[in-house]
Amino acid sequence: MESTAPQQQTAWLVQPLVDAGLDPGEIQVLVTRLGFEAVVAGDRGVDIRILDVVGDHPSDVRAAWLEVIDRMTSRPLPGA
């Protein structure tokens, strides 16, 4: 899967998941599920569905996921 975002920005975005011990394949699955859940949920229930993506993961992964979501939605990209 190719990304259109510069590699440095992509790395910054998912770094909390890397720090939590996930490998690139696991991160790709989570981000793909996030996109699917966002489309399926529409405006209703998207917050719960975003959290459900990592509901069966350890607490450190869930915390990292929340950091990634925060980076995606409310923080400027580094160098932007």
N, C-alpha and C. Protein backbone atom coordinates (compact mmCIF):
# COMPACT_ATOMS: atom_id res chain seq x y z
N MET A 1 0.84 -1.16 0.00
CA MET A 1 0.00 0.00 0.00
C MET A 1 0.89 1.23 0.00
N GLU A 2 0.74 2.08 -1.00
CA GLU A 2 1.54 3.28 -1.09
C GLU A 2 0.84 4.44 -0.41
N SER A 3 1.62 5.29 0.17
CA SER A 3 1.10 6.47 0.83
C SER A 3 1.41 7.69 0.01
N THR A 4 0.49 8.65 0.00
CA THR A 4 0.75 9.91 -0.68
C THR A 4 1.35 10.93 0.27
N ALA A 5 1.36 10.64 1.56
CA ALA A 5 1.95 11.54 2.55
C ALA A 5 3.46 11.31 2.59
N PRO A 6 4.22 12.37 2.79
CA PRO A 6 5.67 12.19 2.94
C PRO A 6 5.97 11.21 4.07
N GLN A 7 7.01 10.42 3.89
CA GLN A 7 7.34 9.36 4.85
C GLN A 7 7.56 9.90 6.26
N GLN A 8 8.20 11.06 6.38
CA GLN A 8 8.45 11.63 7.72
C GLN A 8 7.14 11.93 8.44
N GLN A 9 6.14 12.47 7.73
CA GLN A 9 4.85 12.78 8.34
C GLN A 9 4.11 11.51 8.71
N THR A 10 4.17 10.51 7.86
CA THR A 10 3.52 9.23 8.15
C THR A 10 4.16 8.59 9.38
N ALA A 11 5.48 8.62 9.45
CA ALA A 11 6.18 8.03 10.59
C ALA A 11 5.79 8.74 11.88
N TRP A 12 5.72 10.07 11.86
CA TRP A 12 5.33 10.84 13.05
C TRP A 12 3.92 10.45 13.48
N LEU A 13 3.04 10.28 12.52
CA LEU A 13 1.65 9.98 12.81
C LEU A 13 1.50 8.65 13.55
N VAL A 14 2.18 7.63 13.11
CA VAL A 14 2.00 6.30 13.68
C VAL A 14 3.05 5.93 14.74
N GLN A 15 3.96 6.84 15.04
CA GLN A 15 5.03 6.54 15.99
C GLN A 15 4.53 6.02 17.33
N PRO A 16 3.42 6.53 17.88
CA PRO A 16 2.94 5.95 19.15
C PRO A 16 2.64 4.45 19.04
N LEU A 17 2.15 4.01 17.90
CA LEU A 17 1.87 2.57 17.73
C LEU A 17 3.15 1.77 17.60
N VAL A 18 4.14 2.34 16.94
CA VAL A 18 5.46 1.69 16.86
C VAL A 18 6.05 1.58 18.26
N ASP A 19 5.95 2.67 19.03
CA ASP A 19 6.48 2.66 20.40
C ASP A 19 5.75 1.65 21.28
N ALA A 20 4.49 1.36 20.95
CA ALA A 20 3.71 0.38 21.71
C ALA A 20 4.02 -1.05 21.27
N GLY A 21 4.89 -1.21 20.27
CA GLY A 21 5.34 -2.53 19.87
C GLY A 21 4.66 -3.14 18.66
N LEU A 22 3.83 -2.36 17.96
CA LEU A 22 3.17 -2.91 16.77
C LEU A 22 4.10 -2.85 15.57
N ASP A 23 3.99 -3.86 14.71
CA ASP A 23 4.79 -3.86 13.49
C ASP A 23 4.00 -3.17 12.37
N PRO A 24 4.67 -2.85 11.25
CA PRO A 24 3.99 -2.13 10.18
C PRO A 24 2.71 -2.81 9.66
N GLY A 25 2.72 -4.12 9.61
CA GLY A 25 1.52 -4.84 9.15
C GLY A 25 0.34 -4.65 10.08
N GLU A 26 0.60 -4.70 11.38
CA GLU A 26 -0.46 -4.50 12.37
C GLU A 26 -1.00 -3.07 12.30
N ILE A 27 -0.10 -2.11 12.12
CA ILE A 27 -0.52 -0.72 12.01
C ILE A 27 -1.37 -0.51 10.76
N GLN A 28 -0.98 -1.12 9.67
CA GLN A 28 -1.74 -1.01 8.42
C GLN A 28 -3.15 -1.56 8.60
N VAL A 29 -3.28 -2.68 9.30
CA VAL A 29 -4.60 -3.26 9.55
C VAL A 29 -5.46 -2.30 10.37
N LEU A 30 -4.88 -1.72 11.42
CA LEU A 30 -5.65 -0.79 12.26
C LEU A 30 -6.10 0.44 11.48
N VAL A 31 -5.20 1.01 10.70
CA VAL A 31 -5.55 2.21 9.94
C VAL A 31 -6.59 1.89 8.86
N THR A 32 -6.48 0.73 8.25
CA THR A 32 -7.49 0.31 7.26
C THR A 32 -8.84 0.13 7.94
N ARG A 33 -8.86 -0.51 9.10
CA ARG A 33 -10.12 -0.67 9.85
C ARG A 33 -10.69 0.68 10.24
N LEU A 34 -9.82 1.61 10.62
CA LEU A 34 -10.28 2.96 10.96
C LEU A 34 -11.02 3.59 9.79
N GLY A 35 -10.44 3.52 8.62
CA GLY A 35 -11.09 4.07 7.42
C GLY A 35 -12.42 3.40 7.16
N PHE A 36 -12.47 2.10 7.26
CA PHE A 36 -13.72 1.36 7.04
C PHE A 36 -14.77 1.78 8.06
N GLU A 37 -14.40 1.81 9.33
CA GLU A 37 -15.35 2.16 10.39
C GLU A 37 -15.87 3.59 10.22
N ALA A 38 -14.99 4.50 9.81
CA ALA A 38 -15.42 5.88 9.60
C ALA A 38 -16.44 5.98 8.49
N VAL A 39 -16.27 5.20 7.43
CA VAL A 39 -17.23 5.22 6.32
C VAL A 39 -18.54 4.56 6.73
N VAL A 40 -18.46 3.43 7.39
CA VAL A 40 -19.66 2.68 7.77
C VAL A 40 -20.48 3.42 8.83
N ALA A 41 -19.79 4.03 9.79
CA ALA A 41 -20.49 4.68 10.89
C ALA A 41 -21.15 5.98 10.48
N GLY A 42 -20.62 6.64 9.46
CA GLY A 42 -21.15 7.95 9.12
C GLY A 42 -20.96 8.89 10.29
N ASP A 43 -21.94 9.72 10.55
CA ASP A 43 -21.84 10.68 11.66
C ASP A 43 -22.24 10.07 12.99
N ARG A 44 -22.94 8.95 12.96
CA ARG A 44 -23.43 8.37 14.21
C ARG A 44 -22.56 7.22 14.65
N GLY A 45 -22.08 7.32 15.86
CA GLY A 45 -21.34 6.21 16.45
C GLY A 45 -19.90 6.09 16.03
N VAL A 46 -19.38 7.06 15.32
CA VAL A 46 -18.00 6.94 14.84
C VAL A 46 -17.01 6.94 16.01
N ASP A 47 -17.28 7.70 17.07
CA ASP A 47 -16.36 7.72 18.21
C ASP A 47 -16.20 6.35 18.84
N ILE A 48 -17.31 5.66 19.04
CA ILE A 48 -17.26 4.32 19.63
C ILE A 48 -16.56 3.35 18.69
N ARG A 49 -16.85 3.43 17.41
CA ARG A 49 -16.26 2.51 16.44
C ARG A 49 -14.76 2.71 16.33
N ILE A 50 -14.31 3.95 16.46
CA ILE A 50 -12.87 4.22 16.42
C ILE A 50 -12.18 3.53 17.58
N LEU A 51 -12.80 3.56 18.75
CA LEU A 51 -12.22 2.90 19.91
C LEU A 51 -12.32 1.39 19.80
N ASP A 52 -13.39 0.89 19.20
CA ASP A 52 -13.57 -0.55 19.04
C ASP A 52 -12.48 -1.19 18.18
N VAL A 53 -11.86 -0.39 17.30
CA VAL A 53 -10.81 -0.91 16.43
C VAL A 53 -9.69 -1.55 17.26
N VAL A 54 -9.42 -1.00 18.43
CA VAL A 54 -8.34 -1.53 19.28
C VAL A 54 -8.86 -2.10 20.60
N GLY A 55 -10.15 -2.37 20.66
CA GLY A 55 -10.77 -2.84 21.90
C GLY A 55 -10.18 -4.12 22.46
N ASP A 56 -9.64 -4.97 21.61
CA ASP A 56 -9.09 -6.24 22.08
C ASP A 56 -7.57 -6.20 22.27
N HIS A 57 -6.99 -5.01 22.18
CA HIS A 57 -5.55 -4.85 22.34
C HIS A 57 -5.21 -4.45 23.78
N PRO A 58 -3.96 -4.62 24.17
CA PRO A 58 -3.53 -4.20 25.52
C PRO A 58 -3.70 -2.68 25.72
N SER A 59 -3.71 -2.27 26.97
CA SER A 59 -3.96 -0.86 27.29
C SER A 59 -2.93 0.08 26.68
N ASP A 60 -1.67 -0.34 26.57
CA ASP A 60 -0.67 0.55 25.98
C ASP A 60 -0.93 0.79 24.50
N VAL A 61 -1.45 -0.21 23.80
CA VAL A 61 -1.80 -0.04 22.39
C VAL A 61 -3.03 0.86 22.27
N ARG A 62 -4.00 0.67 23.16
CA ARG A 62 -5.19 1.53 23.13
C ARG A 62 -4.82 2.98 23.38
N ALA A 63 -3.92 3.23 24.32
CA ALA A 63 -3.46 4.59 24.60
C ALA A 63 -2.71 5.17 23.39
N ALA A 64 -1.88 4.36 22.77
CA ALA A 64 -1.16 4.80 21.57
C ALA A 64 -2.14 5.12 20.45
N TRP A 65 -3.19 4.32 20.31
CA TRP A 65 -4.21 4.54 19.28
C TRP A 65 -4.90 5.89 19.50
N LEU A 66 -5.21 6.21 20.73
CA LEU A 66 -5.83 7.50 21.03
C LEU A 66 -4.89 8.65 20.68
N GLU A 67 -3.60 8.46 20.91
CA GLU A 67 -2.62 9.48 20.53
C GLU A 67 -2.58 9.65 19.01
N VAL A 68 -2.62 8.54 18.28
CA VAL A 68 -2.63 8.61 16.82
C VAL A 68 -3.88 9.34 16.33
N ILE A 69 -5.03 9.01 16.88
CA ILE A 69 -6.27 9.67 16.49
C ILE A 69 -6.17 11.17 16.79
N ASP A 70 -5.62 11.52 17.94
CA ASP A 70 -5.43 12.93 18.28
C ASP A 70 -4.51 13.61 17.27
N ARG A 71 -3.45 12.95 16.90
CA ARG A 71 -2.53 13.52 15.90
C ARG A 71 -3.23 13.70 14.56
N MET A 72 -4.09 12.75 14.19
CA MET A 72 -4.79 12.84 12.91
C MET A 72 -5.80 13.98 12.88
N THR A 73 -6.43 14.23 14.01
CA THR A 73 -7.58 15.12 14.00
C THR A 73 -7.35 16.51 14.56
N SER A 74 -6.32 16.70 15.38
CA SER A 74 -6.23 18.00 16.02
C SER A 74 -4.86 18.63 16.06
N ARG A 75 -3.86 17.95 15.59
CA ARG A 75 -2.52 18.52 15.64
C ARG A 75 -2.00 18.78 14.23
N PRO A 76 -1.25 19.87 14.09
CA PRO A 76 -0.62 20.10 12.78
C PRO A 76 0.53 19.11 12.57
N LEU A 77 0.78 18.80 11.33
CA LEU A 77 1.90 17.91 11.00
C LEU A 77 3.21 18.63 11.31
N PRO A 78 4.21 17.89 11.74
CA PRO A 78 5.49 18.54 12.01
C PRO A 78 6.03 19.20 10.74
N GLY A 79 6.54 20.39 10.89
CA GLY A 79 7.09 21.11 9.75
C GLY A 79 6.04 21.78 8.88
N ALA A 80 4.76 21.67 9.26
CA ALA A 80 3.70 22.27 8.43
C ALA A 80 3.44 23.70 8.86
